[in-house]
Amino acid sequence: MNYESWRISYQSSEQAARAVFNEIAALRADLAASQAECERLRADAERYRWLASDIDGNAQDDLLIWLSGTVVPKESIDAAIDAARAGKGE
């Protein structure tokens, strides 16, 4: 939709202003949700990059031993990786 067709669809500048305001509010909410999702994905990516790049192999060994003994939710795996990263000062 171009500006002219958009403008014709509104009878008053007040109506147009409200429509634009509502659209901006919706876009801001979408942006906030996208930023939160991006942060969650960034944390996951960092967690698994760290796990994959652990040079001495202790983190991978510990994780595999832990996983082989039980089925655990992703949140528990994430917490274990985060704890190991914190222990190494990362």
C-alpha atoms as a PDB file:
ATOM      1  CA  MET A   1       0.000   0.000   0.000  1.00  0.00           C
ATOM      2  CA  ASN A   2       1.355   3.424  -0.880  1.00  0.00           C
ATOM      3  CA  TYR A   3       0.845   6.639   1.055  1.00  0.00           C
ATOM      4  CA  GLU A   4      -1.982   7.958  -1.151  1.00  0.00           C
ATOM      5  CA  SER A   5      -4.102   4.829  -0.877  1.00  0.00           C
ATOM      6  CA  TRP A   6      -3.421   4.733   2.860  1.00  0.00           C
ATOM      7  CA  ARG A   7      -4.418   8.387   3.297  1.00  0.00           C
ATOM      8  CA  ILE A   8      -7.635   7.950   1.275  1.00  0.00           C
ATOM      9  CA  SER A   9      -8.700   5.139   3.594  1.00  0.00           C
ATOM     10  CA  TYR A  10      -8.948   7.586   6.531  1.00  0.00           C
ATOM     11  CA  GLN A  11     -11.569  10.308   6.840  1.00  0.00           C
ATOM     12  CA  SER A  12      -9.697  12.513   9.279  1.00  0.00           C
ATOM     13  CA  SER A  13      -6.194  13.229  10.436  1.00  0.00           C
ATOM     14  CA  GLU A  14      -7.240  12.103  13.932  1.00  0.00           C
ATOM     15  CA  GLN A  15      -8.239   8.706  12.585  1.00  0.00           C
ATOM     16  CA  ALA A  16      -4.967   8.464  10.666  1.00  0.00           C
ATOM     17  CA  ALA A  17      -2.926   9.490  13.699  1.00  0.00           C
ATOM     18  CA  ARG A  18      -4.615   6.837  15.850  1.00  0.00           C
ATOM     19  CA  ALA A  19      -3.975   4.190  13.192  1.00  0.00           C
ATOM     20  CA  VAL A  20      -0.302   5.115  12.981  1.00  0.00           C
ATOM     21  CA  PHE A  21       0.022   5.204  16.762  1.00  0.00           C
ATOM     22  CA  ASN A  22      -1.544   1.742  17.054  1.00  0.00           C
ATOM     23  CA  GLU A  23       0.713   0.390  14.321  1.00  0.00           C
ATOM     24  CA  ILE A  24       3.804   1.787  16.044  1.00  0.00           C
ATOM     25  CA  ALA A  25       2.695   0.269  19.358  1.00  0.00           C
ATOM     26  CA  ALA A  26       2.234  -3.117  17.691  1.00  0.00           C
ATOM     27  CA  LEU A  27       5.638  -2.879  16.001  1.00  0.00           C
ATOM     28  CA  ARG A  28       7.311  -1.956  19.292  1.00  0.00           C
ATOM     29  CA  ALA A  29       5.727  -4.985  20.975  1.00  0.00           C
ATOM     30  CA  ASP A  30       6.917  -7.199  18.112  1.00  0.00           C
ATOM     31  CA  LEU A  31      10.403  -5.726  18.405  1.00  0.00           C
ATOM     32  CA  ALA A  32      10.528  -6.365  22.155  1.00  0.00           C
ATOM     33  CA  ALA A  33       9.421  -9.963  21.652  1.00  0.00           C
ATOM     34  CA  SER A  34      12.001 -10.440  18.889  1.00  0.00           C
ATOM     35  CA  GLN A  35      14.753  -8.978  21.069  1.00  0.00           C
ATOM     36  CA  ALA A  36      13.835 -11.313  23.939  1.00  0.00           C
ATOM     37  CA  GLU A  37      13.853 -14.306  21.586  1.00  0.00           C
ATOM     38  CA  CYS A  38      17.193 -13.184  20.154  1.00  0.00           C
ATOM     39  CA  GLU A  39      18.656 -13.041  23.671  1.00  0.00           C
ATOM     40  CA  ARG A  40      17.384 -16.557  24.453  1.00  0.00           C
ATOM     41  CA  LEU A  41      18.854 -17.883  21.207  1.00  0.00           C
ATOM     42  CA  ARG A  42      22.152 -16.058  21.814  1.00  0.00           C
ATOM     43  CA  ALA A  43      22.435 -17.655  25.261  1.00  0.00           C
ATOM     44  CA  ASP A  44      21.758 -21.101  23.779  1.00  0.00           C
ATOM     45  CA  ALA A  45      24.298 -20.544  21.010  1.00  0.00           C
ATOM     46  CA  GLU A  46      26.973 -19.404  23.480  1.00  0.00           C
ATOM     47  CA  ARG A  47      26.237 -22.356  25.749  1.00  0.00           C
ATOM     48  CA  TYR A  48      26.637 -24.923  23.003  1.00  0.00           C
ATOM     49  CA  ARG A  49      29.612 -23.168  21.365  1.00  0.00           C
ATOM     50  CA  TRP A  50      31.336 -23.298  24.735  1.00  0.00           C
ATOM     51  CA  LEU A  51      30.517 -26.958  25.131  1.00  0.00           C
ATOM     52  CA  ALA A  52      31.790 -27.767  21.627  1.00  0.00           C
ATOM     53  CA  SER A  53      35.023 -25.817  22.105  1.00  0.00           C
ATOM     54  CA  ASP A  54      35.962 -27.171  25.559  1.00  0.00           C
ATOM     55  CA  ILE A  55      39.575 -28.108  24.786  1.00  0.00           C
ATOM     56  CA  ASP A  56      40.279 -30.449  27.698  1.00  0.00           C
ATOM     57  CA  GLY A  57      37.049 -32.383  27.096  1.00  0.00           C
ATOM     58  CA  ASN A  58      35.990 -32.451  30.743  1.00  0.00           C
ATOM     59  CA  ALA A  59      32.708 -30.640  30.137  1.00  0.00           C
ATOM     60  CA  GLN A  60      31.715 -32.943  27.285  1.00  0.00           C
ATOM     61  CA  ASP A  61      32.707 -36.036  29.263  1.00  0.00           C
ATOM     62  CA  ASP A  62      30.791 -34.900  32.323  1.00  0.00           C
ATOM     63  CA  LEU A  63      27.731 -34.032  30.253  1.00  0.00           C
ATOM     64  CA  LEU A  64      27.739 -37.364  28.413  1.00  0.00           C
ATOM     65  CA  ILE A  65      28.114 -39.327  31.651  1.00  0.00           C
ATOM     66  CA  TRP A  66      25.303 -37.321  33.218  1.00  0.00           C
ATOM     67  CA  LEU A  67      23.034 -37.727  30.187  1.00  0.00           C
ATOM     68  CA  SER A  68      23.707 -41.461  29.882  1.00  0.00           C
ATOM     69  CA  GLY A  69      22.301 -42.026  33.346  1.00  0.00           C
ATOM     70  CA  THR A  70      19.053 -40.146  32.958  1.00  0.00           C
ATOM     71  CA  VAL A  71      16.702 -38.334  30.631  1.00  0.00           C
ATOM     72  CA  VAL A  72      16.572 -34.703  31.654  1.00  0.00           C
ATOM     73  CA  PRO A  73      14.781 -31.597  30.437  1.00  0.00           C
ATOM     74  CA  LYS A  74      16.668 -29.052  28.336  1.00  0.00           C
ATOM     75  CA  GLU A  75      16.552 -26.554  31.216  1.00  0.00           C
ATOM     76  CA  SER A  76      18.575 -28.936  33.395  1.00  0.00           C
ATOM     77  CA  ILE A  77      21.143 -29.430  30.650  1.00  0.00           C
ATOM     78  CA  ASP A  78      21.386 -25.661  30.169  1.00  0.00           C
ATOM     79  CA  ALA A  79      21.832 -25.142  33.921  1.00  0.00           C
ATOM     80  CA  ALA A  80      24.609 -27.747  34.059  1.00  0.00           C
ATOM     81  CA  ILE A  81      26.441 -26.139  31.135  1.00  0.00           C
ATOM     82  CA  ASP A  82      26.020 -22.672  32.651  1.00  0.00           C
ATOM     83  CA  ALA A  83      27.389 -23.919  35.993  1.00  0.00           C
ATOM     84  CA  ALA A  84      30.412 -25.474  34.275  1.00  0.00           C
ATOM     85  CA  ARG A  85      31.039 -22.279  32.303  1.00  0.00           C
ATOM     86  CA  ALA A  86      30.820 -20.198  35.476  1.00  0.00           C
ATOM     87  CA  GLY A  87      33.280 -22.517  37.196  1.00  0.00           C
ATOM     88  CA  LYS A  88      35.824 -21.862  34.470  1.00  0.00           C
ATOM     89  CA  GLY A  89      35.281 -18.099  34.665  1.00  0.00           C
ATOM     90  CA  GLU A  90      33.482 -17.688  31.342  1.00  0.00           C
END
